[in-house]
Amino acid sequence: MKKFLILLLPIILVSCFIRYNYTISKSTDIKYVIEEYFTTGILNSYKMCTVSKVNLSFSNGNIAVVKIDGMEDKSPHKKVSYNVFLEKNNKGNWKVKKVYTLEPNLNSN
């Protein structure tokens, strides 16, 4: 059993390292960051089944505001919309700083 654990531990560490490096290298793409943030995570209160629309509202190269629409992960899978405030760090990677929930417009025809 000890030999199995000794062999398993390096495999787990290497796979975690590869996954971390892959995520960091892909986080220069703003769409990837939004998809990853809103579709993964166990304790994510903004988790969605799918992100259907991504609209860039504002960007100056270091700060971006993006409006996203999609289906909520929890039943009954209501449509939700968020404004997302992202910031680019000195390595060029985007990071979600703040999420604002948009209320549905009930008066639209």
PDB file of N, CA and C in Angstrom:
ATOM      1  N   MET A   1       0.815  -1.192   0.000  1.00  0.00           N
ATOM      2  CA  MET A   1       0.000   0.000   0.000  1.00  0.00           C
ATOM      3  C   MET A   1       0.862   1.262   0.000  1.00  0.00           C
ATOM      4  N   LYS A   2       1.979   1.245   0.740  1.00  0.00           N
ATOM      5  CA  LYS A   2       2.857   2.402   0.794  1.00  0.00           C
ATOM      6  C   LYS A   2       3.487   2.674  -0.562  1.00  0.00           C
ATOM      7  N   LYS A   3       3.851   1.627  -1.282  1.00  0.00           N
ATOM      8  CA  LYS A   3       4.449   1.797  -2.610  1.00  0.00           C
ATOM      9  C   LYS A   3       3.452   2.439  -3.565  1.00  0.00           C
ATOM     10  N   PHE A   4       2.204   2.037  -3.442  1.00  0.00           N
ATOM     11  CA  PHE A   4       1.162   2.604  -4.292  1.00  0.00           C
ATOM     12  C   PHE A   4       1.005   4.101  -4.021  1.00  0.00           C
ATOM     13  N   LEU A   5       0.994   4.483  -2.753  1.00  0.00           N
ATOM     14  CA  LEU A   5       0.870   5.892  -2.394  1.00  0.00           C
ATOM     15  C   LEU A   5       2.096   6.692  -2.835  1.00  0.00           C
ATOM     16  N   ILE A   6       3.272   6.086  -2.714  1.00  0.00           N
ATOM     17  CA  ILE A   6       4.501   6.755  -3.130  1.00  0.00           C
ATOM     18  C   ILE A   6       4.500   6.983  -4.638  1.00  0.00           C
ATOM     19  N   LEU A   7       3.951   6.071  -5.408  1.00  0.00           N
ATOM     20  CA  LEU A   7       3.847   6.237  -6.858  1.00  0.00           C
ATOM     21  C   LEU A   7       2.716   7.189  -7.246  1.00  0.00           C
ATOM     22  N   LEU A   8       1.641   7.171  -6.489  1.00  0.00           N
ATOM     23  CA  LEU A   8       0.478   7.987  -6.808  1.00  0.00           C
ATOM     24  C   LEU A   8       0.700   9.469  -6.511  1.00  0.00           C
ATOM     25  N   LEU A   9       1.405   9.798  -5.462  1.00  0.00           N
ATOM     26  CA  LEU A   9       1.628  11.182  -5.072  1.00  0.00           C
ATOM     27  C   LEU A   9       2.342  12.001  -6.153  1.00  0.00           C
ATOM     28  N   PRO A  10       3.443  11.547  -6.744  1.00  0.00           N
ATOM     29  CA  PRO A  10       4.078  12.341  -7.816  1.00  0.00           C
ATOM     30  C   PRO A  10       3.185  12.507  -9.050  1.00  0.00           C
ATOM     31  N   ILE A  11       2.395  11.503  -9.358  1.00  0.00           N
ATOM     32  CA  ILE A  11       1.496  11.588 -10.509  1.00  0.00           C
ATOM     33  C   ILE A  11       0.452  12.675 -10.264  1.00  0.00           C
ATOM     34  N   ILE A  12      -0.097  12.730  -9.066  1.00  0.00           N
ATOM     35  CA  ILE A  12      -1.080  13.751  -8.725  1.00  0.00           C
ATOM     36  C   ILE A  12      -0.445  15.131  -8.751  1.00  0.00           C
ATOM     37  N   LEU A  13       0.744  15.272  -8.189  1.00  0.00           N
ATOM     38  CA  LEU A  13       1.429  16.567  -8.174  1.00  0.00           C
ATOM     39  C   LEU A  13       1.746  17.059  -9.582  1.00  0.00           C
ATOM     40  N   VAL A  14       2.225  16.187 -10.434  1.00  0.00           N
ATOM     41  CA  VAL A  14       2.552  16.567 -11.817  1.00  0.00           C
ATOM     42  C   VAL A  14       1.291  16.969 -12.566  1.00  0.00           C
ATOM     43  N   SER A  15       0.208  16.219 -12.391  1.00  0.00           N
ATOM     44  CA  SER A  15      -1.033  16.560 -13.099  1.00  0.00           C
ATOM     45  C   SER A  15      -1.598  17.890 -12.603  1.00  0.00           C
ATOM     46  N   CYS A  16      -1.511  18.171 -11.314  1.00  0.00           N
ATOM     47  CA  CYS A  16      -1.959  19.475 -10.789  1.00  0.00           C
ATOM     48  C   CYS A  16      -1.096  20.603 -11.338  1.00  0.00           C
ATOM     49  N   PHE A  17       0.194  20.391 -11.433  1.00  0.00           N
ATOM     50  CA  PHE A  17       1.106  21.398 -11.970  1.00  0.00           C
ATOM     51  C   PHE A  17       0.800  21.681 -13.440  1.00  0.00           C
ATOM     52  N   ILE A  18       0.532  20.649 -14.216  1.00  0.00           N
ATOM     53  CA  ILE A  18       0.207  20.815 -15.636  1.00  0.00           C
ATOM     54  C   ILE A  18      -1.117  21.566 -15.787  1.00  0.00           C
ATOM     55  N   ARG A  19      -2.113  21.208 -15.002  1.00  0.00           N
ATOM     56  CA  ARG A  19      -3.420  21.880 -15.056  1.00  0.00           C
ATOM     57  C   ARG A  19      -3.288  23.363 -14.676  1.00  0.00           C
ATOM     58  N   TYR A  20      -2.511  23.656 -13.648  1.00  0.00           N
ATOM     59  CA  TYR A  20      -2.299  25.034 -13.209  1.00  0.00           C
ATOM     60  C   TYR A  20      -1.615  25.849 -14.312  1.00  0.00           C
ATOM     61  N   ASN A  21      -0.567  25.306 -14.909  1.00  0.00           N
ATOM     62  CA  ASN A  21       0.137  26.020 -15.986  1.00  0.00           C
ATOM     63  C   ASN A  21      -0.749  26.221 -17.208  1.00  0.00           C
ATOM     64  N   TYR A  22      -1.574  25.241 -17.528  1.00  0.00           N
ATOM     65  CA  TYR A  22      -2.497  25.371 -18.655  1.00  0.00           C
ATOM     66  C   TYR A  22      -3.494  26.496 -18.398  1.00  0.00           C
ATOM     67  N   THR A  23      -4.047  26.534 -17.192  1.00  0.00           N
ATOM     68  CA  THR A  23      -5.019  27.576 -16.841  1.00  0.00           C
ATOM     69  C   THR A  23      -4.375  28.955 -16.875  1.00  0.00           C
ATOM     70  N   ILE A  24      -3.169  29.079 -16.357  1.00  0.00           N
ATOM     71  CA  ILE A  24      -2.475  30.364 -16.359  1.00  0.00           C
ATOM     72  C   ILE A  24      -2.182  30.819 -17.783  1.00  0.00           C
ATOM     73  N   SER A  25      -1.757  29.901 -18.647  1.00  0.00           N
ATOM     74  CA  SER A  25      -1.438  30.291 -20.025  1.00  0.00           C
ATOM     75  C   SER A  25      -2.692  30.682 -20.810  1.00  0.00           C
ATOM     76  N   LYS A  26      -3.830  30.087 -20.503  1.00  0.00           N
ATOM     77  CA  LYS A  26      -5.074  30.405 -21.196  1.00  0.00           C
ATOM     78  C   LYS A  26      -5.756  31.652 -20.636  1.00  0.00           C
ATOM     79  N   SER A  27      -5.346  32.116 -19.458  1.00  0.00           N
ATOM     80  CA  SER A  27      -6.043  33.238 -18.835  1.00  0.00           C
ATOM     81  C   SER A  27      -5.692  34.582 -19.467  1.00  0.00           C
ATOM     82  N   THR A  28      -4.920  34.583 -20.536  1.00  0.00           N
ATOM     83  CA  THR A  28      -4.714  35.817 -21.289  1.00  0.00           C
ATOM     84  C   THR A  28      -5.892  36.079 -22.220  1.00  0.00           C
ATOM     85  N   ASP A  29      -6.737  35.067 -22.432  1.00  0.00           N
ATOM     86  CA  ASP A  29      -7.937  35.186 -23.266  1.00  0.00           C
ATOM     87  C   ASP A  29      -9.126  35.511 -22.361  1.00  0.00           C
ATOM     88  N   ILE A  30      -9.734  36.662 -22.578  1.00  0.00           N
ATOM     89  CA  ILE A  30     -10.810  37.133 -21.700  1.00  0.00           C
ATOM     90  C   ILE A  30     -12.032  36.212 -21.762  1.00  0.00           C
ATOM     91  N   LYS A  31     -12.337  35.665 -22.928  1.00  0.00           N
ATOM     92  CA  LYS A  31     -13.488  34.774 -23.051  1.00  0.00           C
ATOM     93  C   LYS A  31     -13.266  33.475 -22.264  1.00  0.00           C
ATOM     94  N   TYR A  32     -12.050  32.952 -22.299  1.00  0.00           N
ATOM     95  CA  TYR A  32     -11.732  31.740 -21.531  1.00  0.00           C
ATOM     96  C   TYR A  32     -11.908  31.990 -20.035  1.00  0.00           C
ATOM     97  N   VAL A  33     -11.443  33.134 -19.557  1.00  0.00           N
ATOM     98  CA  VAL A  33     -11.549  33.464 -18.132  1.00  0.00           C
ATOM     99  C   VAL A  33     -13.010  33.523 -17.708  1.00  0.00           C
ATOM    100  N   ILE A  34     -13.853  34.142 -18.527  1.00  0.00           N
ATOM    101  CA  ILE A  34     -15.276  34.255 -18.198  1.00  0.00           C
ATOM    102  C   ILE A  34     -15.936  32.883 -18.199  1.00  0.00           C
ATOM    103  N   GLU A  35     -15.686  32.079 -19.232  1.00  0.00           N
ATOM    104  CA  GLU A  35     -16.268  30.731 -19.300  1.00  0.00           C
ATOM    105  C   GLU A  35     -15.833  29.896 -18.098  1.00  0.00           C
ATOM    106  N   GLU A  36     -14.565  29.933 -17.763  1.00  0.00           N
ATOM    107  CA  GLU A  36     -14.026  29.147 -16.655  1.00  0.00           C
ATOM    108  C   GLU A  36     -14.618  29.607 -15.315  1.00  0.00           C
ATOM    109  N   TYR A  37     -14.698  30.905 -15.122  1.00  0.00           N
ATOM    110  CA  TYR A  37     -15.197  31.452 -13.856  1.00  0.00           C
ATOM    111  C   TYR A  37     -16.672  31.119 -13.641  1.00  0.00           C
ATOM    112  N   PHE A  38     -17.474  31.210 -14.684  1.00  0.00           N
ATOM    113  CA  PHE A  38     -18.918  31.053 -14.520  1.00  0.00           C
ATOM    114  C   PHE A  38     -19.425  29.629 -14.721  1.00  0.00           C
ATOM    115  N   THR A  39     -18.598  28.692 -15.146  1.00  0.00           N
ATOM    116  CA  THR A  39     -19.085  27.322 -15.351  1.00  0.00           C
ATOM    117  C   THR A  39     -18.403  26.304 -14.448  1.00  0.00           C
ATOM    118  N   THR A  40     -17.450  26.720 -13.613  1.00  0.00           N
ATOM    119  CA  THR A  40     -16.767  25.781 -12.728  1.00  0.00           C
ATOM    120  C   THR A  40     -16.859  26.252 -11.288  1.00  0.00           C
ATOM    121  N   GLY A  41     -16.482  25.392 -10.387  1.00  0.00           N
ATOM    122  CA  GLY A  41     -16.433  25.729  -8.966  1.00  0.00           C
ATOM    123  C   GLY A  41     -17.579  25.136  -8.188  1.00  0.00           C
ATOM    124  N   ILE A  42     -17.262  24.568  -7.064  1.00  0.00           N
ATOM    125  CA  ILE A  42     -18.270  23.928  -6.223  1.00  0.00           C
ATOM    126  C   ILE A  42     -19.074  24.964  -5.441  1.00  0.00           C
ATOM    127  N   LEU A  43     -18.401  25.957  -4.901  1.00  0.00           N
ATOM    128  CA  LEU A  43     -19.064  26.960  -4.068  1.00  0.00           C
ATOM    129  C   LEU A  43     -19.327  28.261  -4.806  1.00  0.00           C
ATOM    130  N   ASN A  44     -19.332  28.239  -6.116  1.00  0.00           N
ATOM    131  CA  ASN A  44     -19.529  29.436  -6.920  1.00  0.00           C
ATOM    132  C   ASN A  44     -21.007  29.819  -6.930  1.00  0.00           C
ATOM    133  N   SER A  45     -21.341  30.974  -6.360  1.00  0.00           N
ATOM    134  CA  SER A  45     -22.742  31.403  -6.308  1.00  0.00           C
ATOM    135  C   SER A  45     -23.227  31.940  -7.653  1.00  0.00           C
ATOM    136  N   TYR A  46     -22.321  32.219  -8.585  1.00  0.00           N
ATOM    137  CA  TYR A  46     -22.683  32.710  -9.919  1.00  0.00           C
ATOM    138  C   TYR A  46     -22.607  31.608 -10.976  1.00  0.00           C
ATOM    139  N   LYS A  47     -22.529  30.361 -10.563  1.00  0.00           N
ATOM    140  CA  LYS A  47     -22.326  29.244 -11.492  1.00  0.00           C
ATOM    141  C   LYS A  47     -23.480  29.126 -12.482  1.00  0.00           C
ATOM    142  N   MET A  48     -23.121  28.906 -13.746  1.00  0.00           N
ATOM    143  CA  MET A  48     -24.090  28.783 -14.829  1.00  0.00           C
ATOM    144  C   MET A  48     -23.899  27.450 -15.548  1.00  0.00           C
ATOM    145  N   CYS A  49     -24.976  26.954 -16.162  1.00  0.00           N
ATOM    146  CA  CYS A  49     -24.861  25.764 -17.014  1.00  0.00           C
ATOM    147  C   CYS A  49     -24.051  26.104 -18.255  1.00  0.00           C
ATOM    148  N   THR A  50     -24.461  27.162 -18.915  1.00  0.00           N
ATOM    149  CA  THR A  50     -23.782  27.615 -20.120  1.00  0.00           C
ATOM    150  C   THR A  50     -23.783  29.136 -20.161  1.00  0.00           C
ATOM    151  N   VAL A  51     -22.780  29.656 -20.796  1.00  0.00           N
ATOM    152  CA  VAL A  51     -22.713  31.092 -21.062  1.00  0.00           C
ATOM    153  C   VAL A  51     -23.106  31.256 -22.520  1.00  0.00           C
ATOM    154  N   SER A  52     -24.278  31.857 -22.774  1.00  0.00           N
ATOM    155  CA  SER A  52     -24.779  31.925 -24.147  1.00  0.00           C
ATOM    156  C   SER A  52     -24.298  33.165 -24.899  1.00  0.00           C
ATOM    157  N   LYS A  53     -24.188  34.310 -24.200  1.00  0.00           N
ATOM    158  CA  LYS A  53     -23.746  35.542 -24.870  1.00  0.00           C
ATOM    159  C   LYS A  53     -22.685  36.233 -24.044  1.00  0.00           C
ATOM    160  N   VAL A  54     -21.654  36.719 -24.729  1.00  0.00           N
ATOM    161  CA  VAL A  54     -20.596  37.501 -24.095  1.00  0.00           C
ATOM    162  C   VAL A  54     -20.436  38.771 -24.912  1.00  0.00           C
ATOM    163  N   ASN A  55     -20.749  39.925 -24.300  1.00  0.00           N
ATOM    164  CA  ASN A  55     -20.641  41.210 -24.991  1.00  0.00           C
ATOM    165  C   ASN A  55     -19.690  42.121 -24.226  1.00  0.00           C
ATOM    166  N   LEU A  56     -18.630  42.540 -24.894  1.00  0.00           N
ATOM    167  CA  LEU A  56     -17.671  43.457 -24.304  1.00  0.00           C
ATOM    168  C   LEU A  56     -18.263  44.862 -24.321  1.00  0.00           C
ATOM    169  N   SER A  57     -18.471  45.451 -23.138  1.00  0.00           N
ATOM    170  CA  SER A  57     -19.045  46.792 -23.034  1.00  0.00           C
ATOM    171  C   SER A  57     -17.981  47.874 -23.067  1.00  0.00           C
ATOM    172  N   PHE A  58     -16.865  47.615 -22.372  1.00  0.00           N
ATOM    173  CA  PHE A  58     -15.802  48.607 -22.280  1.00  0.00           C
ATOM    174  C   PHE A  58     -14.474  47.896 -22.058  1.00  0.00           C
ATOM    175  N   SER A  59     -13.424  48.405 -22.672  1.00  0.00           N
ATOM    176  CA  SER A  59     -12.078  47.915 -22.412  1.00  0.00           C
ATOM    177  C   SER A  59     -11.070  48.976 -22.807  1.00  0.00           C
ATOM    178  N   ASN A  60     -10.090  49.177 -21.939  1.00  0.00           N
ATOM    179  CA  ASN A  60      -8.988  50.065 -22.280  1.00  0.00           C
ATOM    180  C   ASN A  60      -7.672  49.296 -22.348  1.00  0.00           C
ATOM    181  N   GLY A  61      -7.730  47.986 -22.334  1.00  0.00           N
ATOM    182  CA  GLY A  61      -6.544  47.146 -22.394  1.00  0.00           C
ATOM    183  C   GLY A  61      -6.142  46.580 -21.050  1.00  0.00           C
ATOM    184  N   ASN A  62      -6.447  47.278 -19.968  1.00  0.00           N
ATOM    185  CA  ASN A  62      -6.127  46.808 -18.625  1.00  0.00           C
ATOM    186  C   ASN A  62      -7.362  46.542 -17.773  1.00  0.00           C
ATOM    187  N   ILE A  63      -8.461  47.178 -18.125  1.00  0.00           N
ATOM    188  CA  ILE A  63      -9.729  47.009 -17.417  1.00  0.00           C
ATOM    189  C   ILE A  63     -10.796  46.709 -18.464  1.00  0.00           C
ATOM    190  N   ALA A  64     -11.703  45.789 -18.135  1.00  0.00           N
ATOM    191  CA  ALA A  64     -12.777  45.458 -19.071  1.00  0.00           C
ATOM    192  C   ALA A  64     -14.082  45.253 -18.307  1.00  0.00           C
ATOM    193  N   VAL A  65     -15.176  45.633 -18.947  1.00  0.00           N
ATOM    194  CA  VAL A  65     -16.519  45.370 -18.438  1.00  0.00           C
ATOM    195  C   VAL A  65     -17.227  44.550 -19.500  1.00  0.00           C
ATOM    196  N   VAL A  66     -17.730  43.392 -19.096  1.00  0.00           N
ATOM    197  CA  VAL A  66     -18.344  42.449 -20.029  1.00  0.00           C
ATOM    198  C   VAL A  66     -19.734  42.092 -19.518  1.00  0.00           C
ATOM    199  N   LYS A  67     -20.724  42.086 -20.417  1.00  0.00           N
ATOM    200  CA  LYS A  67     -22.080  41.648 -20.077  1.00  0.00           C
ATOM    201  C   LYS A  67     -22.238  40.221 -20.583  1.00  0.00           C
ATOM    202  N   ILE A  68     -22.673  39.324 -19.693  1.00  0.00           N
ATOM    203  CA  ILE A  68     -22.868  37.928 -20.101  1.00  0.00           C
ATOM    204  C   ILE A  68     -24.296  37.498 -19.789  1.00  0.00           C
ATOM    205  N   ASP A  69     -24.805  36.593 -20.607  1.00  0.00           N
ATOM    206  CA  ASP A  69     -26.121  35.989 -20.422  1.00  0.00           C
ATOM    207  C   ASP A  69     -25.955  34.481 -20.458  1.00  0.00           C
ATOM    208  N   GLY A  70     -26.818  33.789 -19.726  1.00  0.00           N
ATOM    209  CA  GLY A  70     -26.773  32.336 -19.743  1.00  0.00           C
ATOM    210  C   GLY A  70     -27.860  31.745 -18.871  1.00  0.00           C
ATOM    211  N   MET A  71     -27.755  30.433 -18.672  1.00  0.00           N
ATOM    212  CA  MET A  71     -28.727  29.698 -17.875  1.00  0.00           C
ATOM    213  C   MET A  71     -28.126  29.374 -16.516  1.00  0.00           C
ATOM    214  N   GLU A  72     -28.903  29.613 -15.470  1.00  0.00           N
ATOM    215  CA  GLU A  72     -28.489  29.336 -14.103  1.00  0.00           C
ATOM    216  C   GLU A  72     -28.266  27.837 -13.918  1.00  0.00           C
ATOM    217  N   ASP A  73     -27.318  27.461 -13.078  1.00  0.00           N
ATOM    218  CA  ASP A  73     -26.998  26.054 -12.853  1.00  0.00           C
ATOM    219  C   ASP A  73     -28.052  25.350 -12.012  1.00  0.00           C
ATOM    220  N   LYS A  74     -28.693  26.070 -11.106  1.00  0.00           N
ATOM    221  CA  LYS A  74     -29.693  25.469 -10.229  1.00  0.00           C
ATOM    222  C   LYS A  74     -31.036  25.379 -10.945  1.00  0.00           C
ATOM    223  N   SER A  75     -31.805  24.364 -10.594  1.00  0.00           N
ATOM    224  CA  SER A  75     -33.158  24.233 -11.147  1.00  0.00           C
ATOM    225  C   SER A  75     -33.994  25.391 -10.664  1.00  0.00           C
ATOM    226  N   PRO A  76     -34.855  25.934 -11.423  1.00  0.00           N
ATOM    227  CA  PRO A  76     -35.392  25.601 -12.736  1.00  0.00           C
ATOM    228  C   PRO A  76     -34.621  26.209 -13.900  1.00  0.00           C
ATOM    229  N   HIS A  77     -33.337  26.480 -13.759  1.00  0.00           N
ATOM    230  CA  HIS A  77     -32.465  26.977 -14.829  1.00  0.00           C
ATOM    231  C   HIS A  77     -32.993  28.258 -15.470  1.00  0.00           C
ATOM    232  N   LYS A  78     -33.166  29.259 -14.635  1.00  0.00           N
ATOM    233  CA  LYS A  78     -33.638  30.551 -15.122  1.00  0.00           C
ATOM    234  C   LYS A  78     -32.527  31.248 -15.905  1.00  0.00           C
ATOM    235  N   LYS A  79     -32.955  32.168 -16.786  1.00  0.00           N
ATOM    236  CA  LYS A  79     -31.997  32.977 -17.532  1.00  0.00           C
ATOM    237  C   LYS A  79     -31.449  34.051 -16.597  1.00  0.00           C
ATOM    238  N   VAL A  80     -30.129  34.210 -16.594  1.00  0.00           N
ATOM    239  CA  VAL A  80     -29.483  35.210 -15.747  1.00  0.00           C
ATOM    240  C   VAL A  80     -28.537  36.057 -16.587  1.00  0.00           C
ATOM    241  N   SER A  81     -28.318  37.291 -16.128  1.00  0.00           N
ATOM    242  CA  SER A  81     -27.399  38.211 -16.796  1.00  0.00           C
ATOM    243  C   SER A  81     -26.512  38.856 -15.746  1.00  0.00           C
ATOM    244  N   TYR A  82     -25.256  39.034 -16.103  1.00  0.00           N
ATOM    245  CA  TYR A  82     -24.294  39.648 -15.199  1.00  0.00           C
ATOM    246  C   TYR A  82     -23.447  40.668 -15.952  1.00  0.00           C
ATOM    247  N   ASN A  83     -23.050  41.710 -15.249  1.00  0.00           N
ATOM    248  CA  ASN A  83     -21.983  42.591 -15.696  1.00  0.00           C
ATOM    249  C   ASN A  83     -20.748  42.174 -14.926  1.00  0.00           C
ATOM    250  N   VAL A  84     -19.662  41.920 -15.629  1.00  0.00           N
ATOM    251  CA  VAL A  84     -18.441  41.418 -15.015  1.00  0.00           C
ATOM    252  C   VAL A  84     -17.341  42.455 -15.191  1.00  0.00           C
ATOM    253  N   PHE A  85     -16.684  42.797 -14.106  1.00  0.00           N
ATOM    254  CA  PHE A  85     -15.570  43.729 -14.112  1.00  0.00           C
ATOM    255  C   PHE A  85     -14.288  42.906 -14.026  1.00  0.00           C
ATOM    256  N   LEU A  86     -13.433  42.995 -15.054  1.00  0.00           N
ATOM    257  CA  LEU A  86     -12.180  42.247 -15.100  1.00  0.00           C
ATOM    258  C   LEU A  86     -11.001  43.206 -15.130  1.00  0.00           C
ATOM    259  N   GLU A  87      -9.875  42.723 -14.612  1.00  0.00           N
ATOM    260  CA  GLU A  87      -8.667  43.526 -14.594  1.00  0.00           C
ATOM    261  C   GLU A  87      -7.496  42.652 -15.039  1.00  0.00           C
ATOM    262  N   LYS A  88      -6.597  43.241 -15.808  1.00  0.00           N
ATOM    263  CA  LYS A  88      -5.425  42.523 -16.300  1.00  0.00           C
ATOM    264  C   LYS A  88      -4.254  42.805 -15.368  1.00  0.00           C
ATOM    265  N   ASN A  89      -3.532  41.739 -14.954  1.00  0.00           N
ATOM    266  CA  ASN A  89      -2.380  41.949 -14.083  1.00  0.00           C
ATOM    267  C   ASN A  89      -1.131  42.239 -14.920  1.00  0.00           C
ATOM    268  N   ASN A  90       0.014  42.415 -14.261  1.00  0.00           N
ATOM    269  CA  ASN A  90       1.235  42.788 -14.974  1.00  0.00           C
ATOM    270  C   ASN A  90       1.793  41.670 -15.856  1.00  0.00           C
ATOM    271  N   LYS A  91       1.316  40.431 -15.687  1.00  0.00           N
ATOM    272  CA  LYS A  91       1.733  39.317 -16.541  1.00  0.00           C
ATOM    273  C   LYS A  91       0.825  39.150 -17.756  1.00  0.00           C
ATOM    274  N   GLY A  92      -0.216  39.981 -17.848  1.00  0.00           N
ATOM    275  CA  GLY A  92      -1.131  39.923 -18.984  1.00  0.00           C
ATOM    276  C   GLY A  92      -2.299  38.974 -18.800  1.00  0.00           C
ATOM    277  N   ASN A  93      -2.525  38.484 -17.585  1.00  0.00           N
ATOM    278  CA  ASN A  93      -3.621  37.564 -17.304  1.00  0.00           C
ATOM    279  C   ASN A  93      -4.831  38.323 -16.771  1.00  0.00           C
ATOM    280  N   TRP A  94      -6.020  37.977 -17.281  1.00  0.00           N
ATOM    281  CA  TRP A  94      -7.262  38.607 -16.837  1.00  0.00           C
ATOM    282  C   TRP A  94      -7.738  37.941 -15.559  1.00  0.00           C
ATOM    283  N   LYS A  95      -8.334  38.731 -14.671  1.00  0.00           N
ATOM    284  CA  LYS A  95      -8.888  38.225 -13.422  1.00  0.00           C
ATOM    285  C   LYS A  95     -10.214  38.923 -13.154  1.00  0.00           C
ATOM    286  N   VAL A  96     -11.220  38.132 -12.771  1.00  0.00           N
ATOM    287  CA  VAL A  96     -12.531  38.679 -12.435  1.00  0.00           C
ATOM    288  C   VAL A  96     -12.420  39.378 -11.082  1.00  0.00           C
ATOM    289  N   LYS A  97     -12.763  40.667 -11.057  1.00  0.00           N
ATOM    290  CA  LYS A  97     -12.697  41.440  -9.821  1.00  0.00           C
ATOM    291  C   LYS A  97     -14.056  41.583  -9.155  1.00  0.00           C
ATOM    292  N   LYS A  98     -15.101  41.819  -9.931  1.00  0.00           N
ATOM    293  CA  LYS A  98     -16.427  42.052  -9.356  1.00  0.00           C
ATOM    294  C   LYS A  98     -17.497  41.587 -10.335  1.00  0.00           C
ATOM    295  N   VAL A  99     -18.577  41.023  -9.807  1.00  0.00           N
ATOM    296  CA  VAL A  99     -19.710  40.566 -10.616  1.00  0.00           C
ATOM    297  C   VAL A  99     -20.957  41.286 -10.120  1.00  0.00           C
ATOM    298  N   TYR A 100     -21.686  41.888 -11.061  1.00  0.00           N
ATOM    299  CA  TYR A 100     -22.927  42.585 -10.747  1.00  0.00           C
ATOM    300  C   TYR A 100     -24.083  41.853 -11.419  1.00  0.00           C
ATOM    301  N   THR A 101     -25.104  41.501 -10.647  1.00  0.00           N
ATOM    302  CA  THR A 101     -26.279  40.828 -11.188  1.00  0.00           C
ATOM    303  C   THR A 101     -27.180  41.857 -11.841  1.00  0.00           C
ATOM    304  N   LEU A 102     -27.603  41.566 -13.066  1.00  0.00           N
ATOM    305  CA  LEU A 102     -28.534  42.444 -13.778  1.00  0.00           C
ATOM    306  C   LEU A 102     -29.938  41.899 -13.605  1.00  0.00           C
ATOM    307  N   GLU A 103     -30.844  42.764 -13.237  1.00  0.00           N
ATOM    308  CA  GLU A 103     -32.241  42.370 -13.083  1.00  0.00           C
ATOM    309  C   GLU A 103     -32.891  42.247 -14.451  1.00  0.00           C
ATOM    310  N   PRO A 104     -33.753  41.252 -14.663  1.00  0.00           N
ATOM    311  CA  PRO A 104     -34.425  41.130 -15.954  1.00  0.00           C
ATOM    312  C   PRO A 104     -35.376  42.294 -16.196  1.00  0.00           C
ATOM    313  N   ASN A 105     -35.437  42.743 -17.435  1.00  0.00           N
ATOM    314  CA  ASN A 105     -36.311  43.844 -17.811  1.00  0.00           C
ATOM    315  C   ASN A 105     -37.699  43.283 -18.094  1.00  0.00           C
ATOM    316  N   LEU A 106     -38.639  43.482 -17.182  1.00  0.00           N
ATOM    317  CA  LEU A 106     -39.975  42.922 -17.318  1.00  0.00           C
ATOM    318  C   LEU A 106     -40.861  43.766 -18.234  1.00  0.00           C
ATOM    319  N   ASN A 107     -40.475  45.009 -18.516  1.00  0.00           N
ATOM    320  CA  ASN A 107     -41.298  45.895 -19.334  1.00  0.00           C
ATOM    321  C   ASN A 107     -40.978  45.805 -20.825  1.00  0.00           C
ATOM    322  N   SER A 108     -39.983  45.017 -21.210  1.00  0.00           N
ATOM    323  CA  SER A 108     -39.628  44.951 -22.637  1.00  0.00           C
ATOM    324  C   SER A 108     -40.656  44.130 -23.404  1.00  0.00           C
ATOM    325  N   ASN A 109     -40.932  44.541 -24.631  1.00  0.00           N
ATOM    326  CA  ASN A 109     -41.918  43.854 -25.471  1.00  0.00           C
ATOM    327  C   ASN A 109     -41.234  43.079 -26.542  1.00  0.00           C
TER     328      ASN A 109
END
